Amino acid sequence: GNFYGAAGGPNAASGTIFEVSPTGYFTNLFSFDPTNGNTPQQLIRGGDGVFYGTTRYGGAHYNDNPDIPTNNCGTVLKITPDGQFTQLGSCNGSNGAEPAGRLARA
């Protein structure tokens, strides 16, 4: 009966994945840093009860040099309802960059 969502952080901060109860109790499940993702997009719940999603920026190929094209390419992630986070993949520029949409369940 709880709600789950993703939010980017202020001033280019990395963002969070959170849970909110119907009575308004807020729980931060995961906080991003640039190496595991930045600016999370919409989550989708898989048939296994786990949430999947993307971050638009950051990831395993993150570096702080804006002149290198792979510095902010984005990730694919999964997170359990109790906050266990796994980065499933990280874009590197040649395999894609900045995923902006949500994943589709098939």
C-alpha atoms as a PDB file:
ATOM      1  CA  GLY A   1       0.000   0.000   0.000  1.00  0.00           C
ATOM      2  CA  ASN A   2       2.965   2.422  -0.060  1.00  0.00           C
ATOM      3  CA  PHE A   3       4.064   4.667  -2.898  1.00  0.00           C
ATOM      4  CA  TYR A   4       7.572   4.748  -4.383  1.00  0.00           C
ATOM      5  CA  GLY A   5       9.224   7.447  -6.429  1.00  0.00           C
ATOM      6  CA  ALA A   6      12.406   9.130  -7.557  1.00  0.00           C
ATOM      7  CA  ALA A   7      13.468  12.734  -7.209  1.00  0.00           C
ATOM      8  CA  GLY A   8      16.436  14.705  -8.455  1.00  0.00           C
ATOM      9  CA  GLY A   9      18.302  16.786  -5.949  1.00  0.00           C
ATOM     10  CA  PRO A  10      18.573  20.572  -5.782  1.00  0.00           C
ATOM     11  CA  ASN A  11      21.343  22.386  -7.645  1.00  0.00           C
ATOM     12  CA  ALA A  12      22.481  19.345  -9.668  1.00  0.00           C
ATOM     13  CA  ALA A  13      22.616  17.093  -6.606  1.00  0.00           C
ATOM     14  CA  SER A  14      22.312  13.430  -7.409  1.00  0.00           C
ATOM     15  CA  GLY A  15      18.795  12.619  -6.137  1.00  0.00           C
ATOM     16  CA  THR A  16      16.977   9.924  -4.175  1.00  0.00           C
ATOM     17  CA  ILE A  17      14.587   7.011  -4.361  1.00  0.00           C
ATOM     18  CA  PHE A  18      11.919   7.185  -1.670  1.00  0.00           C
ATOM     19  CA  GLU A  19       8.857   5.502  -0.171  1.00  0.00           C
ATOM     20  CA  VAL A  20       5.789   7.322   1.143  1.00  0.00           C
ATOM     21  CA  SER A  21       3.013   5.696   3.163  1.00  0.00           C
ATOM     22  CA  PRO A  22      -0.659   6.598   2.566  1.00  0.00           C
ATOM     23  CA  THR A  23      -0.497   8.575   5.833  1.00  0.00           C
ATOM     24  CA  GLY A  24       2.438  10.645   4.553  1.00  0.00           C
ATOM     25  CA  TYR A  25       5.366   8.963   6.327  1.00  0.00           C
ATOM     26  CA  PHE A  26       8.433   9.549   4.109  1.00  0.00           C
ATOM     27  CA  THR A  27      11.412   7.173   3.946  1.00  0.00           C
ATOM     28  CA  ASN A  28      14.520   7.853   1.881  1.00  0.00           C
ATOM     29  CA  LEU A  29      15.498   4.426   0.482  1.00  0.00           C
ATOM     30  CA  PHE A  30      18.606   5.407  -1.483  1.00  0.00           C
ATOM     31  CA  SER A  31      20.698   8.524  -2.126  1.00  0.00           C
ATOM     32  CA  PHE A  32      22.661   8.756  -5.358  1.00  0.00           C
ATOM     33  CA  ASP A  33      26.166  10.060  -5.869  1.00  0.00           C
ATOM     34  CA  PRO A  34      27.659  10.760  -9.302  1.00  0.00           C
ATOM     35  CA  THR A  35      29.330   7.334  -9.568  1.00  0.00           C
ATOM     36  CA  ASN A  36      26.101   5.325  -9.127  1.00  0.00           C
ATOM     37  CA  GLY A  37      23.773   7.705 -10.925  1.00  0.00           C
ATOM     38  CA  ASN A  38      22.392  11.218 -10.963  1.00  0.00           C
ATOM     39  CA  THR A  39      18.891  12.538 -11.668  1.00  0.00           C
ATOM     40  CA  PRO A  40      16.766   9.372 -11.363  1.00  0.00           C
ATOM     41  CA  GLN A  41      13.841   8.995 -13.744  1.00  0.00           C
ATOM     42  CA  GLN A  42      10.516   7.203 -13.227  1.00  0.00           C
ATOM     43  CA  LEU A  43      10.526   3.770 -11.625  1.00  0.00           C
ATOM     44  CA  ILE A  44       8.630   0.725 -12.843  1.00  0.00           C
ATOM     45  CA  ARG A  45       7.788  -2.288 -10.701  1.00  0.00           C
ATOM     46  CA  GLY A  46       8.773  -5.650 -12.158  1.00  0.00           C
ATOM     47  CA  GLY A  47       6.845  -8.887 -11.758  1.00  0.00           C
ATOM     48  CA  ASP A  48       9.405  -9.833  -9.100  1.00  0.00           C
ATOM     49  CA  GLY A  49       8.294  -6.917  -6.886  1.00  0.00           C
ATOM     50  CA  VAL A  50      11.569  -5.056  -7.461  1.00  0.00           C
ATOM     51  CA  PHE A  51      11.691  -1.535  -8.914  1.00  0.00           C
ATOM     52  CA  TYR A  52      13.676  -0.762 -12.053  1.00  0.00           C
ATOM     53  CA  GLY A  53      14.609   2.570 -13.552  1.00  0.00           C
ATOM     54  CA  THR A  54      17.244   4.800 -15.054  1.00  0.00           C
ATOM     55  CA  THR A  55      19.262   7.811 -14.063  1.00  0.00           C
ATOM     56  CA  ARG A  56      19.782  10.439 -16.689  1.00  0.00           C
ATOM     57  CA  TYR A  57      23.369  11.220 -15.703  1.00  0.00           C
ATOM     58  CA  GLY A  58      26.286   9.798 -13.736  1.00  0.00           C
ATOM     59  CA  GLY A  59      27.266   6.162 -13.456  1.00  0.00           C
ATOM     60  CA  ALA A  60      30.318   3.928 -13.530  1.00  0.00           C
ATOM     61  CA  HIS A  61      31.963   6.037 -16.245  1.00  0.00           C
ATOM     62  CA  TYR A  62      31.463   9.324 -14.365  1.00  0.00           C
ATOM     63  CA  ASN A  63      34.356  11.739 -14.126  1.00  0.00           C
ATOM     64  CA  ASP A  64      34.339  15.403 -13.249  1.00  0.00           C
ATOM     65  CA  ASN A  65      35.892  16.611 -16.519  1.00  0.00           C
ATOM     66  CA  PRO A  66      33.139  18.182 -18.662  1.00  0.00           C
ATOM     67  CA  ASP A  67      35.382  17.931 -21.765  1.00  0.00           C
ATOM     68  CA  ILE A  68      35.269  14.113 -21.716  1.00  0.00           C
ATOM     69  CA  PRO A  69      32.076  12.908 -23.468  1.00  0.00           C
ATOM     70  CA  THR A  70      31.518   9.918 -21.165  1.00  0.00           C
ATOM     71  CA  ASN A  71      31.347  11.936 -17.962  1.00  0.00           C
ATOM     72  CA  ASN A  72      27.580  11.957 -17.525  1.00  0.00           C
ATOM     73  CA  CYS A  73      25.954   9.171 -19.481  1.00  0.00           C
ATOM     74  CA  GLY A  74      23.413   7.584 -17.112  1.00  0.00           C
ATOM     75  CA  THR A  75      22.569   4.180 -15.653  1.00  0.00           C
ATOM     76  CA  VAL A  76      20.027   1.374 -15.475  1.00  0.00           C
ATOM     77  CA  LEU A  77      19.209   0.311 -11.909  1.00  0.00           C
ATOM     78  CA  LYS A  78      17.133  -1.896  -9.679  1.00  0.00           C
ATOM     79  CA  ILE A  79      16.130  -1.324  -6.081  1.00  0.00           C
ATOM     80  CA  THR A  80      14.158  -3.515  -3.707  1.00  0.00           C
ATOM     81  CA  PRO A  81      11.322  -2.068  -1.611  1.00  0.00           C
ATOM     82  CA  ASP A  82      13.668  -2.203   1.397  1.00  0.00           C
ATOM     83  CA  GLY A  83      16.362  -0.130  -0.374  1.00  0.00           C
ATOM     84  CA  GLN A  84      18.874  -2.689  -1.688  1.00  0.00           C
ATOM     85  CA  PHE A  85      20.333  -0.932  -4.736  1.00  0.00           C
ATOM     86  CA  THR A  86      22.057  -2.513  -7.740  1.00  0.00           C
ATOM     87  CA  GLN A  87      23.433  -0.690 -10.764  1.00  0.00           C
ATOM     88  CA  LEU A  88      22.605  -3.018 -13.668  1.00  0.00           C
ATOM     89  CA  GLY A  89      24.399  -1.065 -16.349  1.00  0.00           C
ATOM     90  CA  SER A  90      26.054   2.218 -17.094  1.00  0.00           C
ATOM     91  CA  CYS A  91      26.024   4.110 -20.372  1.00  0.00           C
ATOM     92  CA  ASN A  92      29.418   5.139 -21.711  1.00  0.00           C
ATOM     93  CA  GLY A  93      28.575   7.274 -24.719  1.00  0.00           C
ATOM     94  CA  SER A  94      29.128   4.531 -27.293  1.00  0.00           C
ATOM     95  CA  ASN A  95      26.297   2.356 -25.936  1.00  0.00           C
ATOM     96  CA  GLY A  96      23.973   5.280 -25.310  1.00  0.00           C
ATOM     97  CA  ALA A  97      23.762   8.337 -23.126  1.00  0.00           C
ATOM     98  CA  GLU A  98      21.317  10.221 -20.912  1.00  0.00           C
ATOM     99  CA  PRO A  99      18.308   7.866 -20.819  1.00  0.00           C
ATOM    100  CA  ALA A 100      15.343  10.165 -20.299  1.00  0.00           C
ATOM    101  CA  GLY A 101      12.339   7.873 -20.555  1.00  0.00           C
ATOM    102  CA  ARG A 102      11.161   5.140 -18.282  1.00  0.00           C
ATOM    103  CA  LEU A 103      11.713   1.464 -18.865  1.00  0.00           C
ATOM    104  CA  ALA A 104       8.995  -0.729 -20.372  1.00  0.00           C
ATOM    105  CA  ARG A 105       8.006  -4.043 -18.842  1.00  0.00           C
ATOM    106  CA  ALA A 106       7.589  -6.860 -21.349  1.00  0.00           C
END
